[in-house]
Amino acid sequence: MLNFCEIELHWSDVSINTSKSDCIRIGKRYYVGCANIITLDGIALQWRKEIHYLGNYMYIVNSRLFKCSMSKCKRTFF
């Protein structure tokens, strides 16, 4: 699926910034390891247990259901 998206983006002169892109798994089998996702340039995207969203204010966490964490933000506040 990523390759199809990359081809469409390439036709529009847009590319995926692999240094800012990560993978996260959400669903019933979120804890199972996955094979690396390789871009058309041959770069593997990193799998993470959490990814930050909106700077360092909110983190999306891998879990069975979609879940966000603000615990790091709360720790820095106090």
PDB file of N, CA and C in Angstrom:
ATOM      1  N   MET A   1       0.820  -1.184   0.000  1.00  0.00           N
ATOM      2  CA  MET A   1       0.000   0.000   0.000  1.00  0.00           C
ATOM      3  C   MET A   1       0.872   1.261   0.000  1.00  0.00           C
ATOM      4  N   LEU A   2       1.952   1.222   0.782  1.00  0.00           N
ATOM      5  CA  LEU A   2       2.850   2.374   0.824  1.00  0.00           C
ATOM      6  C   LEU A   2       3.463   2.637  -0.552  1.00  0.00           C
ATOM      7  N   ASN A   3       3.820   1.576  -1.252  1.00  0.00           N
ATOM      8  CA  ASN A   3       4.414   1.746  -2.582  1.00  0.00           C
ATOM      9  C   ASN A   3       3.449   2.425  -3.549  1.00  0.00           C
ATOM     10  N   PHE A   4       2.162   2.074  -3.489  1.00  0.00           N
ATOM     11  CA  PHE A   4       1.176   2.732  -4.350  1.00  0.00           C
ATOM     12  C   PHE A   4       1.076   4.215  -4.020  1.00  0.00           C
ATOM     13  N   CYS A   5       1.085   4.535  -2.734  1.00  0.00           N
ATOM     14  CA  CYS A   5       1.037   5.942  -2.315  1.00  0.00           C
ATOM     15  C   CYS A   5       2.282   6.684  -2.787  1.00  0.00           C
ATOM     16  N   GLU A   6       3.446   6.042  -2.659  1.00  0.00           N
ATOM     17  CA  GLU A   6       4.692   6.676  -3.096  1.00  0.00           C
ATOM     18  C   GLU A   6       4.688   6.957  -4.593  1.00  0.00           C
ATOM     19  N   ILE A   7       4.161   6.040  -5.386  1.00  0.00           N
ATOM     20  CA  ILE A   7       4.093   6.235  -6.844  1.00  0.00           C
ATOM     21  C   ILE A   7       3.201   7.421  -7.164  1.00  0.00           C
ATOM     22  N   GLU A   8       2.055   7.512  -6.523  1.00  0.00           N
ATOM     23  CA  GLU A   8       1.147   8.647  -6.746  1.00  0.00           C
ATOM     24  C   GLU A   8       1.809   9.957  -6.329  1.00  0.00           C
ATOM     25  N   LEU A   9       2.501   9.952  -5.202  1.00  0.00           N
ATOM     26  CA  LEU A   9       3.194  11.151  -4.749  1.00  0.00           C
ATOM     27  C   LEU A   9       4.311  11.535  -5.710  1.00  0.00           C
ATOM     28  N   HIS A  10       5.012  10.540  -6.238  1.00  0.00           N
ATOM     29  CA  HIS A  10       6.099  10.800  -7.185  1.00  0.00           C
ATOM     30  C   HIS A  10       5.574  11.508  -8.429  1.00  0.00           C
ATOM     31  N   TRP A  11       4.406  11.099  -8.905  1.00  0.00           N
ATOM     32  CA  TRP A  11       3.807  11.751 -10.078  1.00  0.00           C
ATOM     33  C   TRP A  11       3.464  13.209  -9.791  1.00  0.00           C
ATOM     34  N   SER A  12       3.237  13.535  -8.517  1.00  0.00           N
ATOM     35  CA  SER A  12       2.915  14.910  -8.125  1.00  0.00           C
ATOM     36  C   SER A  12       4.144  15.679  -7.664  1.00  0.00           C
ATOM     37  N   ASP A  13       5.331  15.085  -7.839  1.00  0.00           N
ATOM     38  CA  ASP A  13       6.588  15.699  -7.404  1.00  0.00           C
ATOM     39  C   ASP A  13       6.656  15.912  -5.894  1.00  0.00           C
ATOM     40  N   VAL A  14       6.122  14.960  -5.138  1.00  0.00           N
ATOM     41  CA  VAL A  14       6.148  14.999  -3.682  1.00  0.00           C
ATOM     42  C   VAL A  14       6.779  13.692  -3.215  1.00  0.00           C
ATOM     43  N   SER A  15       7.491  13.729  -2.104  1.00  0.00           N
ATOM     44  CA  SER A  15       8.090  12.495  -1.589  1.00  0.00           C
ATOM     45  C   SER A  15       7.844  12.384  -0.084  1.00  0.00           C
ATOM     46  N   ILE A  16       8.009  11.172   0.439  1.00  0.00           N
ATOM     47  CA  ILE A  16       7.854  10.921   1.871  1.00  0.00           C
ATOM     48  C   ILE A  16       9.175  11.212   2.565  1.00  0.00           C
ATOM     49  N   ASN A  17       9.136  12.006   3.617  1.00  0.00           N
ATOM     50  CA  ASN A  17      10.336  12.306   4.389  1.00  0.00           C
ATOM     51  C   ASN A  17      10.547  11.154   5.377  1.00  0.00           C
ATOM     52  N   THR A  18      11.434  10.232   5.033  1.00  0.00           N
ATOM     53  CA  THR A  18      11.638   9.034   5.848  1.00  0.00           C
ATOM     54  C   THR A  18      12.287   9.341   7.200  1.00  0.00           C
ATOM     55  N   SER A  19      12.961  10.470   7.325  1.00  0.00           N
ATOM     56  CA  SER A  19      13.568  10.812   8.623  1.00  0.00           C
ATOM     57  C   SER A  19      12.506  11.253   9.631  1.00  0.00           C
ATOM     58  N   LYS A  20      11.318  11.627   9.158  1.00  0.00           N
ATOM     59  CA  LYS A  20      10.236  12.049  10.043  1.00  0.00           C
ATOM     60  C   LYS A  20       9.066  11.073  10.048  1.00  0.00           C
ATOM     61  N   SER A  21       9.222   9.913   9.397  1.00  0.00           N
ATOM     62  CA  SER A  21       8.131   8.947   9.287  1.00  0.00           C
ATOM     63  C   SER A  21       8.441   7.702  10.099  1.00  0.00           C
ATOM     64  N   ASP A  22       7.457   7.239  10.860  1.00  0.00           N
ATOM     65  CA  ASP A  22       7.569   6.033  11.665  1.00  0.00           C
ATOM     66  C   ASP A  22       6.317   5.194  11.469  1.00  0.00           C
ATOM     67  N   CYS A  23       6.386   3.936  11.902  1.00  0.00           N
ATOM     68  CA  CYS A  23       5.241   3.031  11.832  1.00  0.00           C
ATOM     69  C   CYS A  23       4.803   2.671  13.241  1.00  0.00           C
ATOM     70  N   ILE A  24       3.501   2.485  13.403  1.00  0.00           N
ATOM     71  CA  ILE A  24       2.948   2.059  14.680  1.00  0.00           C
ATOM     72  C   ILE A  24       1.805   1.109  14.374  1.00  0.00           C
ATOM     73  N   ARG A  25       1.608   0.129  15.240  1.00  0.00           N
ATOM     74  CA  ARG A  25       0.569  -0.868  15.006  1.00  0.00           C
ATOM     75  C   ARG A  25      -0.516  -0.727  16.053  1.00  0.00           C
ATOM     76  N   ILE A  26      -1.774  -0.644  15.589  1.00  0.00           N
ATOM     77  CA  ILE A  26      -2.929  -0.521  16.467  1.00  0.00           C
ATOM     78  C   ILE A  26      -3.933  -1.593  16.047  1.00  0.00           C
ATOM     79  N   GLY A  27      -4.420  -2.371  17.001  1.00  0.00           N
ATOM     80  CA  GLY A  27      -5.396  -3.414  16.695  1.00  0.00           C
ATOM     81  C   GLY A  27      -5.197  -4.630  17.576  1.00  0.00           C
ATOM     82  N   LYS A  28      -5.913  -5.703  17.247  1.00  0.00           N
ATOM     83  CA  LYS A  28      -5.891  -6.909  18.075  1.00  0.00           C
ATOM     84  C   LYS A  28      -4.495  -7.481  18.264  1.00  0.00           C
ATOM     85  N   ARG A  29      -3.660  -7.419  17.242  1.00  0.00           N
ATOM     86  CA  ARG A  29      -2.321  -8.022  17.306  1.00  0.00           C
ATOM     87  C   ARG A  29      -1.228  -6.950  17.372  1.00  0.00           C
ATOM     88  N   TYR A  30      -1.471  -5.898  18.127  1.00  0.00           N
ATOM     89  CA  TYR A  30      -0.532  -4.779  18.197  1.00  0.00           C
ATOM     90  C   TYR A  30       0.823  -5.178  18.761  1.00  0.00           C
ATOM     91  N   TYR A  31       0.876  -6.216  19.574  1.00  0.00           N
ATOM     92  CA  TYR A  31       2.110  -6.637  20.245  1.00  0.00           C
ATOM     93  C   TYR A  31       2.982  -7.536  19.371  1.00  0.00           C
ATOM     94  N   VAL A  32       2.485  -8.009  18.239  1.00  0.00           N
ATOM     95  CA  VAL A  32       3.229  -8.911  17.363  1.00  0.00           C
ATOM     96  C   VAL A  32       4.191  -8.104  16.498  1.00  0.00           C
ATOM     97  N   GLY A  33       5.421  -8.578  16.386  1.00  0.00           N
ATOM     98  CA  GLY A  33       6.405  -7.894  15.551  1.00  0.00           C
ATOM     99  C   GLY A  33       6.023  -7.950  14.075  1.00  0.00           C
ATOM    100  N   CYS A  34       6.382  -6.943  13.339  1.00  0.00           N
ATOM    101  CA  CYS A  34       6.048  -6.857  11.916  1.00  0.00           C
ATOM    102  C   CYS A  34       7.329  -6.767  11.090  1.00  0.00           C
ATOM    103  N   ALA A  35       7.221  -7.162   9.851  1.00  0.00           N
ATOM    104  CA  ALA A  35       8.341  -7.017   8.927  1.00  0.00           C
ATOM    105  C   ALA A  35       8.550  -5.531   8.634  1.00  0.00           C
ATOM    106  N   ASN A  36       9.771  -5.165   8.332  1.00  0.00           N
ATOM    107  CA  ASN A  36      10.060  -3.771   8.009  1.00  0.00           C
ATOM    108  C   ASN A  36       9.327  -3.342   6.747  1.00  0.00           C
ATOM    109  N   ILE A  37       8.900  -2.110   6.728  1.00  0.00           N
ATOM    110  CA  ILE A  37       8.289  -1.531   5.545  1.00  0.00           C
ATOM    111  C   ILE A  37       9.390  -0.762   4.825  1.00  0.00           C
ATOM    112  N   ILE A  38       9.639  -1.131   3.588  1.00  0.00           N
ATOM    113  CA  ILE A  38      10.719  -0.534   2.803  1.00  0.00           C
ATOM    114  C   ILE A  38      10.119   0.417   1.768  1.00  0.00           C
ATOM    115  N   THR A  39      10.652   1.629   1.693  1.00  0.00           N
ATOM    116  CA  THR A  39      10.194   2.590   0.697  1.00  0.00           C
ATOM    117  C   THR A  39      10.788   2.245  -0.663  1.00  0.00           C
ATOM    118  N   LEU A  40      10.336   2.930  -1.689  1.00  0.00           N
ATOM    119  CA  LEU A  40      10.864   2.693  -3.031  1.00  0.00           C
ATOM    120  C   LEU A  40      12.342   3.048  -3.129  1.00  0.00           C
ATOM    121  N   ASP A  41      12.824   3.923  -2.238  1.00  0.00           N
ATOM    122  CA  ASP A  41      14.238   4.306  -2.204  1.00  0.00           C
ATOM    123  C   ASP A  41      15.089   3.281  -1.461  1.00  0.00           C
ATOM    124  N   GLY A  42      14.465   2.245  -0.879  1.00  0.00           N
ATOM    125  CA  GLY A  42      15.196   1.213  -0.157  1.00  0.00           C
ATOM    126  C   GLY A  42      15.441   1.530   1.303  1.00  0.00           C
ATOM    127  N   ILE A  43      14.741   2.514   1.860  1.00  0.00           N
ATOM    128  CA  ILE A  43      14.917   2.904   3.256  1.00  0.00           C
ATOM    129  C   ILE A  43      13.818   2.243   4.094  1.00  0.00           C
ATOM    130  N   ALA A  44      14.215   1.605   5.197  1.00  0.00           N
ATOM    131  CA  ALA A  44      13.255   0.947   6.079  1.00  0.00           C
ATOM    132  C   ALA A  44      12.680   1.959   7.068  1.00  0.00           C
ATOM    133  N   LEU A  45      11.359   1.972   7.208  1.00  0.00           N
ATOM    134  CA  LEU A  45      10.711   2.820   8.202  1.00  0.00           C
ATOM    135  C   LEU A  45      10.777   2.125   9.556  1.00  0.00           C
ATOM    136  N   GLN A  46      10.994   2.890  10.611  1.00  0.00           N
ATOM    137  CA  GLN A  46      11.164   2.356  11.960  1.00  0.00           C
ATOM    138  C   GLN A  46       9.816   2.053  12.609  1.00  0.00           C
ATOM    139  N   TRP A  47       9.738   0.921  13.325  1.00  0.00           N
ATOM    140  CA  TRP A  47       8.556   0.582  14.115  1.00  0.00           C
ATOM    141  C   TRP A  47       8.741   1.161  15.506  1.00  0.00           C
ATOM    142  N   ARG A  48       7.723   1.796  16.028  1.00  0.00           N
ATOM    143  CA  ARG A  48       7.780   2.436  17.347  1.00  0.00           C
ATOM    144  C   ARG A  48       6.641   1.951  18.230  1.00  0.00           C
ATOM    145  N   LYS A  49       6.840   2.039  19.551  1.00  0.00           N
ATOM    146  CA  LYS A  49       5.773   1.728  20.497  1.00  0.00           C
ATOM    147  C   LYS A  49       4.906   2.954  20.741  1.00  0.00           C
ATOM    148  N   GLU A  50       5.474   4.121  20.483  1.00  0.00           N
ATOM    149  CA  GLU A  50       4.709   5.363  20.559  1.00  0.00           C
ATOM    150  C   GLU A  50       5.333   6.372  19.603  1.00  0.00           C
ATOM    151  N   ILE A  51       4.497   7.231  19.077  1.00  0.00           N
ATOM    152  CA  ILE A  51       4.982   8.281  18.175  1.00  0.00           C
ATOM    153  C   ILE A  51       4.431   9.614  18.677  1.00  0.00           C
ATOM    154  N   HIS A  52       5.236  10.639  18.546  1.00  0.00           N
ATOM    155  CA  HIS A  52       4.754  11.934  19.017  1.00  0.00           C
ATOM    156  C   HIS A  52       3.976  12.626  17.913  1.00  0.00           C
ATOM    157  N   TYR A  53       2.975  13.345  18.343  1.00  0.00           N
ATOM    158  CA  TYR A  53       2.071  14.054  17.450  1.00  0.00           C
ATOM    159  C   TYR A  53       1.922  15.455  18.002  1.00  0.00           C
ATOM    160  N   LEU A  54       1.922  16.438  17.155  1.00  0.00           N
ATOM    161  CA  LEU A  54       1.844  17.841  17.579  1.00  0.00           C
ATOM    162  C   LEU A  54       3.011  18.208  18.489  1.00  0.00           C
ATOM    163  N   GLY A  55       4.203  17.973  17.992  1.00  0.00           N
ATOM    164  CA  GLY A  55       5.398  18.278  18.775  1.00  0.00           C
ATOM    165  C   GLY A  55       5.560  17.288  19.900  1.00  0.00           C
ATOM    166  N   ASN A  56       5.782  17.781  21.107  1.00  0.00           N
ATOM    167  CA  ASN A  56       5.942  16.889  22.255  1.00  0.00           C
ATOM    168  C   ASN A  56       4.738  16.932  23.184  1.00  0.00           C
ATOM    169  N   TYR A  57       3.587  17.306  22.676  1.00  0.00           N
ATOM    170  CA  TYR A  57       2.417  17.459  23.527  1.00  0.00           C
ATOM    171  C   TYR A  57       1.577  16.197  23.626  1.00  0.00           C
ATOM    172  N   MET A  58       1.502  15.424  22.559  1.00  0.00           N
ATOM    173  CA  MET A  58       0.661  14.241  22.591  1.00  0.00           C
ATOM    174  C   MET A  58       1.373  13.086  21.900  1.00  0.00           C
ATOM    175  N   TYR A  59       1.241  11.909  22.464  1.00  0.00           N
ATOM    176  CA  TYR A  59       1.838  10.709  21.903  1.00  0.00           C
ATOM    177  C   TYR A  59       0.739   9.713  21.567  1.00  0.00           C
ATOM    178  N   ILE A  60       0.847   9.081  20.408  1.00  0.00           N
ATOM    179  CA  ILE A  60      -0.050   8.001  20.030  1.00  0.00           C
ATOM    180  C   ILE A  60       0.671   6.712  20.394  1.00  0.00           C
ATOM    181  N   VAL A  61      -0.001   5.853  21.142  1.00  0.00           N
ATOM    182  CA  VAL A  61       0.612   4.657  21.712  1.00  0.00           C
ATOM    183  C   VAL A  61       0.070   3.425  20.994  1.00  0.00           C
ATOM    184  N   ASN A  62       0.965   2.436  20.741  1.00  0.00           N
ATOM    185  CA  ASN A  62       0.453   1.208  20.134  1.00  0.00           C
ATOM    186  C   ASN A  62      -0.326   0.431  21.184  1.00  0.00           C
ATOM    187  N   SER A  63      -1.515   0.020  20.842  1.00  0.00           N
ATOM    188  CA  SER A  63      -2.379  -0.720  21.756  1.00  0.00           C
ATOM    189  C   SER A  63      -3.509  -1.361  20.962  1.00  0.00           C
ATOM    190  N   ARG A  64      -4.376  -2.056  21.654  1.00  0.00           N
ATOM    191  CA  ARG A  64      -5.491  -2.736  20.997  1.00  0.00           C
ATOM    192  C   ARG A  64      -6.446  -1.729  20.355  1.00  0.00           C
ATOM    193  N   LEU A  65      -6.697  -0.627  21.028  1.00  0.00           N
ATOM    194  CA  LEU A  65      -7.556   0.444  20.519  1.00  0.00           C
ATOM    195  C   LEU A  65      -6.732   1.717  20.365  1.00  0.00           C
ATOM    196  N   PHE A  66      -7.222   2.658  19.573  1.00  0.00           N
ATOM    197  CA  PHE A  66      -6.517   3.926  19.396  1.00  0.00           C
ATOM    198  C   PHE A  66      -6.411   4.611  20.750  1.00  0.00           C
ATOM    199  N   LYS A  67      -5.198   4.980  21.115  1.00  0.00           N
ATOM    200  CA  LYS A  67      -4.955   5.522  22.449  1.00  0.00           C
ATOM    201  C   LYS A  67      -3.902   6.623  22.378  1.00  0.00           C
ATOM    202  N   CYS A  68      -4.161   7.707  23.055  1.00  0.00           N
ATOM    203  CA  CYS A  68      -3.205   8.821  23.122  1.00  0.00           C
ATOM    204  C   CYS A  68      -2.730   8.977  24.563  1.00  0.00           C
ATOM    205  N   SER A  69      -1.507   9.420  24.709  1.00  0.00           N
ATOM    206  CA  SER A  69      -0.931   9.619  26.034  1.00  0.00           C
ATOM    207  C   SER A  69      -0.392  11.036  26.129  1.00  0.00           C
ATOM    208  N   MET A  70      -0.662  11.669  27.246  1.00  0.00           N
ATOM    209  CA  MET A  70      -0.120  12.998  27.505  1.00  0.00           C
ATOM    210  C   MET A  70       0.740  12.976  28.761  1.00  0.00           C
ATOM    211  N   SER A  71       1.174  11.784  29.191  1.00  0.00           N
ATOM    212  CA  SER A  71       1.913  11.660  30.448  1.00  0.00           C
ATOM    213  C   SER A  71       3.241  12.400  30.404  1.00  0.00           C
ATOM    214  N   LYS A  72       3.942  12.379  29.287  1.00  0.00           N
ATOM    215  CA  LYS A  72       5.221  13.105  29.206  1.00  0.00           C
ATOM    216  C   LYS A  72       5.000  14.601  29.299  1.00  0.00           C
ATOM    217  N   CYS A  73       3.927  15.071  28.711  1.00  0.00           N
ATOM    218  CA  CYS A  73       3.595  16.493  28.801  1.00  0.00           C
ATOM    219  C   CYS A  73       3.284  16.861  30.248  1.00  0.00           C
ATOM    220  N   LYS A  74       2.537  16.015  30.934  1.00  0.00           N
ATOM    221  CA  LYS A  74       2.180  16.289  32.334  1.00  0.00           C
ATOM    222  C   LYS A  74       3.410  16.285  33.229  1.00  0.00           C
ATOM    223  N   ARG A  75       4.355  15.354  32.969  1.00  0.00           N
ATOM    224  CA  ARG A  75       5.577  15.296  33.789  1.00  0.00           C
ATOM    225  C   ARG A  75       6.408  16.553  33.641  1.00  0.00           C
ATOM    226  N   THR A  76       6.491  17.102  32.438  1.00  0.00           N
ATOM    227  CA  THR A  76       7.291  18.316  32.234  1.00  0.00           C
ATOM    228  C   THR A  76       6.611  19.545  32.811  1.00  0.00           C
ATOM    229  N   PHE A  77       5.280  19.493  32.960  1.00  0.00           N
ATOM    230  CA  PHE A  77       4.544  20.629  33.505  1.00  0.00           C
ATOM    231  C   PHE A  77       4.774  20.771  34.993  1.00  0.00           C
ATOM    232  N   PHE A  78       4.803  19.619  35.701  1.00  0.00           N
ATOM    233  CA  PHE A  78       4.960  19.651  37.153  1.00  0.00           C
ATOM    234  C   PHE A  78       6.384  19.531  37.456  1.00  0.00           C
TER     235      PHE A  78
END
